[in-house]
Protein backbone atom coordinates (compact mmCIF):
# COMPACT_ATOMS: atom_id res chain seq x y z
CA MET A 1 0.00 0.00 0.00
CA PHE A 2 2.72 2.48 0.99
CA LEU A 3 4.78 1.53 -2.07
CA ILE A 4 1.89 2.15 -4.46
CA ALA A 5 1.13 5.44 -2.71
CA LEU A 6 4.79 6.45 -3.06
CA LEU A 7 4.71 5.83 -6.81
CA GLY A 8 1.35 7.56 -7.22
CA LEU A 9 2.01 10.74 -5.25
CA PRO A 10 4.57 12.54 -7.48
CA PRO A 11 2.44 12.42 -10.67
CA LEU A 12 -0.58 13.58 -8.65
CA THR A 13 1.47 16.48 -7.28
CA ALA A 14 2.65 17.30 -10.81
CA VAL A 15 -0.93 17.48 -12.10
CA LEU A 16 -2.04 19.68 -9.20
CA CYS A 17 0.90 22.05 -9.67
CA ARG A 18 -0.01 22.44 -13.33
CA ALA A 19 -3.73 22.92 -12.57
CA PHE A 20 -3.27 26.05 -10.45
CA ARG A 21 -1.81 29.42 -11.42
CA ALA A 22 -1.30 31.35 -8.19
CA PRO A 23 2.44 31.05 -7.31
CA SER A 24 1.76 30.79 -3.58
CA VAL A 25 -0.75 27.95 -4.07
CA ILE A 26 1.58 26.07 -6.42
CA ALA A 27 4.50 26.47 -4.03
CA SER A 28 2.41 25.10 -1.15
CA ILE A 29 1.29 22.06 -3.16
CA HIS A 30 4.87 21.53 -4.30
CA ALA A 31 6.29 21.64 -0.76
CA LEU A 32 3.54 19.42 0.70
CA GLY A 33 4.03 16.92 -2.13
CA GLY A 34 7.75 16.78 -1.45
CA PHE A 35 7.21 16.29 2.28
CA ALA A 36 4.59 13.56 1.76
CA THR A 37 6.90 11.78 -0.71
CA LEU A 38 9.68 11.92 1.89
CA CYS A 39 7.46 10.38 4.56
CA LEU A 40 6.13 7.61 2.33
CA GLY A 41 9.59 6.87 0.98
CA LEU A 42 11.11 6.51 4.43
CA VAL A 43 8.28 4.21 5.49
CA VAL A 44 8.96 1.95 2.48
CA VAL A 45 12.72 2.05 3.10
CA GLY A 46 12.28 1.18 6.77
CA ARG A 47 10.03 -1.74 5.93
CA VAL A 48 12.49 -3.15 3.39
CA PHE A 49 15.47 -3.03 5.74
CA ALA A 50 13.41 -4.44 8.61
CA ASP A 51 11.48 -7.22 6.82
CA GLY A 52 13.14 -7.75 3.45
CA PRO A 53 12.07 -6.98 -0.14
CA VAL A 54 8.52 -5.76 -0.77
CA THR A 55 6.48 -6.22 -3.93
CA ALA A 56 3.34 -4.77 -5.45
CA VAL A 57 1.17 -5.28 -8.56
CA GLY A 58 2.05 -8.97 -8.54
CA ALA A 59 5.81 -8.95 -8.89
CA SER A 60 6.02 -6.02 -11.32
CA VAL A 61 7.11 -3.63 -8.58
CA TYR A 62 9.99 -4.97 -6.51
CA VAL A 63 11.99 -3.07 -3.91
CA ASP A 64 14.94 -4.74 -2.24
CA GLN A 65 17.79 -3.27 -0.20
CA LEU A 66 19.59 -1.83 -3.25
CA SER A 67 16.38 -0.19 -4.46
CA ALA A 68 15.65 1.06 -0.94
CA VAL A 69 18.92 2.95 -0.55
CA LEU A 70 18.25 4.69 -3.89
CA ILE A 71 14.70 5.52 -2.78
CA ALA A 72 16.13 7.02 0.41
CA VAL A 73 18.47 9.22 -1.63
CA ILE A 74 15.67 10.26 -3.99
CA VAL A 75 13.12 11.24 -1.34
CA VAL A 76 15.59 13.05 0.94
CA LEU A 77 17.07 15.13 -1.86
CA ASP A 78 13.61 15.59 -3.39
CA PHE A 79 12.41 17.30 -0.21
CA ALA A 80 15.57 19.41 0.12
CA ALA A 81 15.47 20.47 -3.54
CA ALA A 82 11.71 21.13 -3.30
CA LEU A 83 12.27 23.58 -0.45
CA TYR A 84 15.21 25.17 -2.23
CA SER A 85 13.27 25.53 -5.49
CA ILE A 86 10.68 27.83 -3.93
CA GLY A 87 13.12 30.53 -2.84
CA TYR A 88 15.32 30.02 -5.88
CA LEU A 89 12.45 30.59 -8.31
CA GLN A 90 11.14 33.56 -6.36
CA ARG A 91 14.51 35.25 -6.88
CA GLU A 92 14.57 34.24 -10.56
CA VAL A 93 11.12 35.76 -11.07
CA GLN A 94 12.11 38.96 -9.26
CA SER A 95 15.20 39.33 -11.44
CA GLY A 96 13.21 38.76 -14.64
CA ALA A 97 15.11 35.61 -15.56
CA VAL A 98 11.94 33.48 -15.35
CA PRO A 99 8.39 34.63 -16.16
CA VAL A 100 5.66 33.75 -13.67
CA SER A 101 3.85 31.77 -16.36
CA GLN A 102 6.67 29.20 -16.39
CA LEU A 103 6.37 28.30 -12.71
CA PRO A 104 3.58 25.70 -13.13
CA TRP A 105 5.61 23.99 -15.85
CA TYR A 106 8.69 23.86 -13.64
CA TYR A 107 6.88 22.32 -10.69
CA CYS A 108 5.00 19.89 -12.92
CA GLY A 109 8.24 18.80 -14.59
CA TYR A 110 10.01 18.60 -11.24
CA HIS A 111 7.59 16.07 -9.73
CA THR A 112 7.35 14.11 -12.98
CA PHE A 113 11.14 13.84 -12.90
CA ILE A 114 11.02 12.53 -9.32
CA TRP A 115 8.39 10.00 -10.37
CA THR A 116 10.48 8.64 -13.25
CA MET A 117 13.45 8.10 -10.92
CA LEU A 118 11.30 6.33 -8.33
CA VAL A 119 9.92 4.05 -11.04
CA THR A 120 13.46 3.35 -12.29
CA VAL A 121 14.53 1.90 -8.95
CA SER A 122 11.24 0.11 -8.23
CA VAL A 123 10.41 -1.96 -11.32
CA ASN A 124 11.31 -5.64 -11.41
CA ASN A 125 11.34 -6.01 -15.19
CA LEU A 126 14.63 -4.96 -16.82
CA GLY A 127 12.78 -3.89 -19.95
CA LEU A 128 10.64 -1.51 -17.91
CA LEU A 129 13.82 -0.36 -16.17
CA TRP A 130 15.18 0.62 -19.57
CA VAL A 131 11.95 2.50 -20.39
CA ALA A 132 12.07 4.33 -17.05
CA VAL A 133 15.68 5.43 -17.56
CA GLU A 134 14.77 6.81 -20.97
CA ALA A 135 11.80 8.61 -19.40
CA THR A 136 14.14 10.32 -16.93
CA THR A 137 16.09 11.65 -19.91
CA LEU A 138 13.05 13.05 -21.70
CA VAL A 139 11.67 14.80 -18.61
CA SER A 140 14.95 16.13 -17.26
CA ALA A 141 15.98 17.49 -20.69
CA LEU A 142 13.04 19.91 -20.47
CA LEU A 143 14.24 21.01 -17.04
CA VAL A 144 17.83 21.46 -18.24
CA GLY A 145 16.58 23.88 -20.89
CA PHE A 146 14.17 25.58 -18.50
CA HIS A 147 15.77 29.03 -18.75
CA ARG A 148 15.40 28.91 -22.56
CA THR A 149 18.66 30.73 -23.21
CA PRO A 150 20.69 29.62 -26.26
CA ALA A 151 23.25 27.96 -23.99
CA ALA A 152 20.55 26.16 -21.98
CA LEU A 153 18.76 24.90 -25.10
CA GLU A 154 22.03 23.72 -26.61
CA ALA A 155 22.90 21.86 -23.40
CA ALA A 156 19.43 20.27 -23.32
CA TRP A 157 19.71 19.06 -26.92
CA LYS A 158 23.22 17.71 -26.35
CA TYR A 159 22.05 15.91 -23.24
CA LEU A 160 19.00 14.50 -24.99
CA ILE A 161 20.86 13.28 -28.06
CA LEU A 162 23.90 11.74 -26.35
CA CYS A 163 21.92 10.05 -23.58
CA THR A 164 19.34 8.72 -26.03
CA VAL A 165 22.13 7.23 -28.15
CA GLY A 166 23.50 5.65 -24.99
CA ILE A 167 20.09 4.28 -24.02
CA VAL A 168 19.69 2.74 -27.48
CA ILE A 169 23.01 0.98 -26.98
CA ALA A 170 21.79 -0.25 -23.60
CA LEU A 171 18.69 -1.64 -25.33
CA PHE A 172 20.90 -4.12 -27.20
CA GLY A 173 22.19 -5.32 -23.84
CA VAL A 174 18.64 -5.76 -22.55
CA LEU A 175 17.61 -7.70 -25.67
CA LEU A 176 20.69 -9.94 -25.45
CA THR A 177 19.88 -10.64 -21.79
CA TYR A 178 16.36 -11.63 -22.80
CA TYR A 179 17.75 -13.89 -25.53
CA ALA A 180 20.07 -15.55 -23.03
CA SER A 181 17.11 -16.30 -20.76
CA THR A 182 14.54 -17.60 -23.25
CA ARG A 183 15.58 -21.26 -22.91
CA LEU A 184 15.44 -21.13 -19.13
CA THR A 185 12.36 -19.13 -18.21
CA ALA A 186 9.53 -20.83 -20.06
CA GLY A 187 6.21 -19.64 -18.67
CA GLU A 188 7.86 -16.84 -16.73
CA SER A 189 8.92 -13.33 -17.61
CA GLY A 190 12.34 -13.54 -19.21
CA LEU A 191 13.25 -10.02 -18.14
CA ASP A 192 12.09 -10.05 -14.52
CA TRP A 193 15.25 -9.48 -12.50
CA THR A 194 14.22 -11.88 -9.72
CA VAL A 195 13.62 -14.65 -12.28
CA LEU A 196 16.90 -13.94 -14.06
CA MET A 197 18.83 -14.07 -10.78
CA ALA A 198 17.30 -17.46 -10.01
CA HIS A 199 18.69 -18.76 -13.33
CA ALA A 200 21.84 -16.58 -13.52
CA GLY A 201 24.22 -19.53 -13.26
CA GLN A 202 22.64 -21.11 -16.35
CA LEU A 203 22.71 -18.07 -18.64
CA ASP A 204 24.99 -18.31 -21.65
CA PRO A 205 28.34 -16.72 -20.64
CA GLY A 206 29.21 -15.48 -24.13
CA ILE A 207 25.89 -13.73 -24.63
CA MET A 208 25.91 -12.24 -21.13
CA ARG A 209 29.45 -10.93 -21.61
CA LEU A 210 28.36 -9.09 -24.73
CA ALA A 211 25.14 -7.94 -23.07
CA PHE A 212 27.07 -6.40 -20.18
CA VAL A 213 29.37 -4.53 -22.56
CA PHE A 214 26.35 -2.91 -24.23
CA VAL A 215 24.73 -2.16 -20.86
CA LEU A 216 27.89 -0.64 -19.41
CA ILE A 217 28.42 1.60 -22.43
CA GLY A 218 24.75 2.54 -22.73
CA PHE A 219 23.81 3.19 -19.14
CA GLY A 220 27.37 4.39 -18.49
CA THR A 221 26.65 7.28 -20.84
CA LYS A 222 23.71 8.28 -18.68
CA ALA A 223 25.74 7.78 -15.49
CA GLY A 224 28.45 10.15 -16.72
CA LEU A 225 31.23 7.58 -16.84
CA ALA A 226 34.16 8.85 -18.93
CA PRO A 227 34.78 8.96 -21.83
CA LEU A 228 30.98 9.01 -22.28
CA HIS A 229 30.42 12.04 -20.04
CA ASN A 230 30.44 14.85 -22.62
CA TRP A 231 26.85 15.94 -21.99
CA LEU A 232 27.25 16.23 -18.23
CA PRO A 233 29.20 19.50 -17.73
CA ASP A 234 26.93 21.43 -20.10
CA ALA A 235 23.69 20.08 -18.64
CA HIS A 236 24.72 20.59 -15.02
CA SER A 237 25.97 24.10 -15.66
CA GLN A 238 22.84 25.29 -17.49
CA ALA A 239 20.07 23.64 -15.46
CA PRO A 240 18.47 25.51 -12.54
CA SER A 241 20.54 24.80 -9.42
CA PRO A 242 17.94 22.56 -7.67
CA ILE A 243 17.69 20.49 -10.85
CA SER A 244 21.49 20.31 -11.07
CA ALA A 245 21.46 18.94 -7.51
CA LEU A 246 19.02 16.20 -8.55
CA LEU A 247 20.89 15.43 -11.76
CA SER A 248 24.18 15.00 -9.96
CA GLY A 249 23.03 13.59 -6.65
CA VAL A 250 20.28 11.25 -7.86
CA LEU A 251 19.97 10.77 -11.62
CA LEU A 252 23.55 9.65 -12.20
CA GLU A 253 23.17 7.11 -9.42
CA CYS A 254 19.92 5.79 -10.89
CA ALA A 255 21.88 4.97 -14.06
CA LEU A 256 24.55 3.29 -11.92
CA TYR A 257 21.77 1.32 -10.27
CA ALA A 258 20.78 -0.08 -13.68
CA ILE A 259 24.39 -1.09 -14.35
CA PHE A 260 24.67 -2.79 -10.96
CA ARG A 261 21.54 -4.86 -11.62
CA PHE A 262 23.14 -6.28 -14.76
CA HIS A 263 26.50 -6.61 -13.01
CA MET A 264 24.92 -8.88 -10.41
CA LEU A 265 23.68 -11.13 -13.22
CA ALA A 266 26.92 -11.03 -15.19
CA SER A 267 29.10 -11.71 -12.14
CA ILE A 268 27.32 -15.07 -11.76
CA ALA A 269 26.82 -15.92 -15.42
CA VAL A 270 30.27 -14.97 -16.72
CA PRO A 271 33.25 -16.63 -14.98
CA GLY A 272 36.50 -14.85 -14.29
CA GLY A 273 35.15 -11.57 -12.92
CA PHE A 274 34.67 -9.97 -16.34
CA SER A 275 32.04 -7.45 -15.25
CA SER A 276 34.04 -6.49 -12.15
CA ARG A 277 37.14 -5.75 -14.21
CA ALA A 278 35.07 -3.72 -16.67
CA LEU A 279 33.62 -1.62 -13.83
CA VAL A 280 37.05 -1.01 -12.30
CA THR A 281 38.54 -0.07 -15.66
CA LEU A 282 35.82 2.41 -16.62
CA GLY A 283 35.70 3.74 -13.06
CA LEU A 284 39.42 4.48 -12.99
CA ILE A 285 39.23 6.08 -16.44
CA SER A 286 36.46 8.37 -15.15
CA VAL A 287 38.48 9.37 -12.09
CA SER A 288 41.56 10.05 -14.21
CA VAL A 289 39.73 12.03 -16.91
CA ALA A 290 38.02 14.26 -14.36
CA VAL A 291 41.27 15.34 -12.65
CA PRO A 292 42.72 17.77 -15.24
CA PHE A 293 39.33 19.37 -15.87
CA ILE A 294 38.91 20.02 -12.15
CA VAL A 295 42.39 21.53 -11.94
CA VAL A 296 41.93 24.02 -14.81
CA GLN A 297 38.20 24.71 -14.37
CA ARG A 298 37.01 28.31 -14.17
CA ASP A 299 33.23 27.78 -13.92
CA LEU A 300 31.80 26.74 -10.55
CA LYS A 301 28.95 24.56 -11.78
CA ARG A 302 31.14 22.86 -14.39
CA LEU A 303 33.67 22.21 -11.62
CA LEU A 304 30.96 20.43 -9.65
CA ALA A 305 29.92 18.52 -12.77
CA TYR A 306 33.44 17.17 -13.35
CA SER A 307 33.56 16.30 -9.66
CA SER A 308 30.48 14.15 -10.32
CA VAL A 309 32.37 12.33 -13.09
CA GLU A 310 35.11 11.61 -10.57
CA HIS A 311 32.76 10.33 -7.87
CA VAL A 312 30.67 8.20 -10.22
CA GLY A 313 33.98 6.62 -11.21
CA LEU A 314 34.82 6.01 -7.55
CA ILE A 315 31.48 4.27 -6.95
CA ALA A 316 31.92 2.07 -10.04
CA THR A 317 35.47 1.23 -8.96
CA ALA A 318 34.33 0.27 -5.46
CA ILE A 319 31.61 -2.07 -6.73
CA GLY A 320 34.01 -3.55 -9.27
CA LEU A 321 36.68 -4.21 -6.64
CA GLY A 322 34.07 -6.05 -4.63
CA GLY A 323 34.64 -7.81 -1.36
CA SER A 324 32.73 -6.85 1.75
CA LEU A 325 34.78 -3.66 2.21
CA GLY A 326 34.51 -2.51 -1.42
CA LEU A 327 30.77 -3.10 -1.67
CA TYR A 328 30.10 -1.44 1.69
CA ALA A 329 32.29 1.55 0.78
CA GLY A 330 30.61 1.83 -2.62
CA ALA A 331 27.12 1.92 -1.09
CA LEU A 332 28.26 4.46 1.51
CA HIS A 333 29.93 6.61 -1.13
CA LEU A 334 26.79 6.60 -3.24
CA PHE A 335 24.85 8.15 -0.37
CA ASN A 336 27.67 10.48 0.69
CA HIS A 337 28.20 11.88 -2.78
CA ALA A 338 24.50 12.54 -3.24
CA ILE A 339 24.13 14.69 -0.12
CA ALA A 340 27.44 16.54 -0.52
CA LYS A 341 26.86 17.37 -4.16
CA ALA A 342 23.29 18.51 -3.48
CA LEU A 343 24.63 20.90 -0.84
CA LEU A 344 27.24 22.29 -3.23
CA PHE A 345 24.75 22.88 -6.04
CA PHE A 346 22.44 24.69 -3.61
CA VAL A 347 25.42 26.83 -2.57
CA ALA A 348 26.23 27.42 -6.24
CA GLY A 349 22.65 28.61 -6.77
CA ASN A 350 23.02 31.13 -3.95
CA LEU A 351 26.32 32.38 -5.35
CA THR A 352 25.03 32.60 -8.90
CA GLN A 353 22.06 34.71 -7.86
CA ARG A 354 24.21 36.90 -5.60
CA TYR A 355 27.11 37.52 -8.00
CA GLY A 356 25.26 37.10 -11.30
CA THR A 357 27.85 34.66 -12.67
CA THR A 358 29.25 31.16 -12.30
CA ARG A 359 32.78 32.31 -13.16
CA MET A 360 34.87 31.58 -10.09
CA SER A 361 37.24 34.46 -10.87
CA ARG A 362 34.32 36.84 -10.25
CA ILE A 363 33.07 35.12 -7.10
CA ARG A 364 35.22 36.52 -4.32
CA GLY A 365 34.76 37.44 -0.66
CA VAL A 366 31.89 35.01 -0.14
CA VAL A 367 32.51 34.55 3.58
CA ARG A 368 32.20 38.29 4.16
CA ALA A 369 29.28 38.90 1.81
CA MET A 370 27.33 35.70 2.61
CA PRO A 371 28.62 34.23 5.89
CA VAL A 372 26.39 31.15 5.98
CA THR A 373 26.73 30.35 2.27
CA GLY A 374 30.49 30.95 2.46
CA SER A 375 30.86 28.58 5.39
CA LEU A 376 28.81 25.92 3.61
CA LEU A 377 30.89 26.41 0.46
CA LEU A 378 34.06 25.61 2.39
CA MET A 379 32.39 22.73 4.22
CA GLY A 380 31.03 21.23 1.00
CA MET A 381 34.31 21.58 -0.90
CA PHE A 382 36.29 20.02 1.92
CA ALA A 383 33.76 17.20 2.20
CA ILE A 384 33.56 16.40 -1.52
CA THR A 385 37.36 16.14 -1.69
CA GLY A 386 37.48 13.62 1.16
CA LEU A 387 38.76 15.74 4.04
CA PRO A 388 38.03 14.29 7.50
CA PRO A 389 35.86 14.33 9.52
CA PHE A 390 33.30 14.43 6.71
CA ALA A 391 31.58 11.23 5.61
CA ILE A 392 33.18 11.04 2.15
CA PHE A 393 36.58 10.57 3.81
CA LEU A 394 35.30 7.30 5.29
CA SER A 395 33.96 5.94 2.01
CA GLU A 396 37.02 6.99 -0.01
CA PHE A 397 39.28 5.44 2.61
CA GLY A 398 37.23 2.27 2.32
CA ILE A 399 37.51 2.22 -1.48
CA VAL A 400 41.30 2.57 -1.33
CA GLY A 401 41.35 -0.10 1.38
CA ALA A 402 39.36 -2.42 -0.90
CA GLY A 403 42.02 -1.91 -3.57
CA PHE A 404 44.70 -2.96 -1.09
CA ALA A 405 42.61 -5.95 0.02
CA GLN A 406 42.19 -7.12 -3.59
CA GLY A 407 45.88 -6.58 -4.37
CA ASN A 408 45.03 -4.16 -7.18
CA TRP A 409 48.04 -1.89 -6.76
CA LEU A 410 47.44 -0.03 -10.02
CA ALA A 411 43.96 1.00 -8.89
CA VAL A 412 45.32 2.07 -5.50
CA ALA A 413 48.05 4.19 -7.10
CA ILE A 414 45.65 5.88 -9.52
CA LEU A 415 43.13 6.60 -6.77
CA ILE A 416 45.65 8.05 -4.32
CA VAL A 417 47.30 10.31 -6.91
CA ALA A 418 43.96 11.46 -8.37
CA LEU A 419 42.37 12.16 -4.99
CA GLY A 420 45.42 14.12 -3.88
CA ILE A 421 45.42 16.33 -6.97
CA VAL A 422 41.67 16.92 -6.80
CA PHE A 423 41.90 17.88 -3.14
CA ALA A 424 44.63 20.44 -3.80
CA ALA A 425 42.83 21.94 -6.81
CA ALA A 426 39.39 22.16 -5.17
CA PHE A 427 40.95 23.51 -1.97
CA GLY A 428 42.54 26.32 -3.97
CA HIS A 429 39.31 27.14 -5.81
CA ALA A 430 37.34 27.21 -2.54
CA LEU A 431 39.79 29.48 -0.72
CA ASP A 432 39.89 31.95 -3.61
CA MET A 433 36.10 32.22 -3.66
CA ALA A 434 35.69 32.33 0.10
CA PHE A 435 38.43 34.81 1.03
CA GLY A 436 39.48 36.51 -2.21
CA ARG A 437 39.03 40.25 -2.63
CA PRO A 438 35.80 41.08 -4.53
CA ARG A 439 35.93 43.48 -7.47
CA THR A 440 33.28 45.69 -5.89
CA SER A 441 32.15 46.14 -2.30
CA LEU A 442 29.44 43.70 -1.25
CA GLU A 443 27.06 44.06 1.65
CA LYS A 444 26.11 41.07 3.75
CA LEU A 445 23.14 39.14 2.36
CA THR A 446 21.00 36.41 3.87
CA PHE A 447 18.38 34.21 2.27
CA PRO A 448 14.91 33.25 3.59
CA ARG A 449 14.60 30.58 6.30
CA LEU A 450 12.95 28.11 3.93
CA ARG A 451 16.01 28.24 1.69
CA GLY A 452 18.26 27.87 4.73
CA GLY A 453 16.32 24.78 5.74
CA ALA A 454 17.00 23.22 2.35
CA LEU A 455 20.73 23.77 2.85
CA ALA A 456 20.58 22.40 6.39
CA ILE A 457 19.27 18.97 5.32
CA PRO A 458 22.30 17.79 3.28
CA ALA A 459 24.75 19.75 5.46
CA GLY A 460 23.43 18.12 8.63
CA LEU A 461 23.53 14.62 7.15
CA MET A 462 27.03 15.17 5.81
CA VAL A 463 28.38 16.23 9.21
CA LEU A 464 26.42 13.59 11.16
CA LEU A 465 27.63 10.66 9.06
CA GLY A 466 31.20 11.91 9.33
CA VAL A 467 31.28 11.74 13.13
CA TYR A 468 28.63 9.13 13.94
CA MET A 469 27.33 6.13 12.06
CA PRO A 470 23.77 5.36 13.22
CA PRO A 471 23.45 1.59 13.82
CA ALA A 472 20.36 1.36 11.60
CA PHE A 473 22.17 3.09 8.73
CA ASN A 474 25.22 0.86 9.18
CA SER A 475 23.01 -2.23 9.15
CA ALA A 476 21.28 -1.00 5.99
CA LEU A 477 24.60 -0.56 4.18
CA GLN A 478 25.69 -4.03 5.25
CA GLN A 479 22.49 -5.46 3.79
CA VAL A 480 23.11 -3.63 0.51
CA ALA A 481 26.67 -4.96 0.40
CA GLY A 482 25.40 -8.46 1.09
CA LEU A 483 22.83 -8.18 -1.69
CA LEU A 484 25.43 -6.96 -4.18
CA ALA A 485 27.69 -9.85 -3.23
CA SER A 486 25.24 -12.73 -3.36
CA GLY A 487 21.90 -11.68 -4.83
CA PRO A 488 18.49 -11.61 -3.10
CA ARG A 489 17.95 -13.63 0.05
């Protein structure tokens, strides 16, 4: 019941937001919808980790521990971004950047986007999973181009075309998986993930090897894995900041979720750890490719976008390395990256509206002009680069430790060098923005409490998980790691 309600609420909220015209009414519906989605999502997540996987509509909707951790990320960041969107759009309307008539479309698209991501991580059928991932592309492309500037429209088209090409490639992997299962699943759905896992050891290794290659390339494009990441910096830099937070913190990880579902099949069907090596290879390439772009970057939102390429690579590397430590660290890093990157994109939204630019050379003296935002900028930058005591330090330390445990010295060397360079570069960018001398005098500025509350959600989680690991959260991550290692129980 709660699962069906969770999947039904976002589209209902979207319709209601589009039906009304008064900005205050739409904002209220939007905020209440986000809060209700958060509550329902946490109920579903709690039930899964307490009692095991839950299903609905027969077996068409299936939520296990891996799905549940993604649902937790989606609903938490949905609520934070929903709160942030209200104040952000009020300022955009006041500045003339967005006409009032576009507000219903934004809120409608926002909740439709949330719905497509919830469906992505809740369907049992891998064919429907493919459809849901494609739906996230179509909806979010409209949000990327929301400002309707030439740069925003170009970014939206680039995102739409490249990700659609990637999804088409992934379709070949889905079809090959179905072909591999047709001899084994007579009378059952050949693309239901639970059915495939039950027969994974009998799937043809050659076909599944090829299927995973197509899936990794196809969904890897959507996940932002290098060298398939070309759309990501443009889309993240041009989208409204709350949408950028969802793109980076949630959407990329939904695409990784699709890859991990197929990886669990391939790791059983194909001997020799083929899918694990492929994940490690593409993950390390992503980390390495992101480094020089982070070092030389001059645009704040593009800097955060390339940071996402790096962290998606770290998650893929962790899952590929495997072992109890690697899988646990990968699941933890997935959650850590989502909350830290959401915080940083919210901060970037504040800075963009205050300074009128995303050029870091023009963003100076933030701590003096915007004390709270400046402090959160430093906190977020230090966290995303793995500085203790923030939570990302723990997950990155675990990923490097997994490399040592597996004896993969090349991976360890690449990770240590890359993380060191990224830390130094991001540290320099953050200090320049926080304490540099502004070109003109700036008076102190504060934002409304509602907007501050949106910033407090990811900031609070980021600090909490860095100094204290709640037993329930630790148990949940262990269950996810166990699922990734051995399939459903």
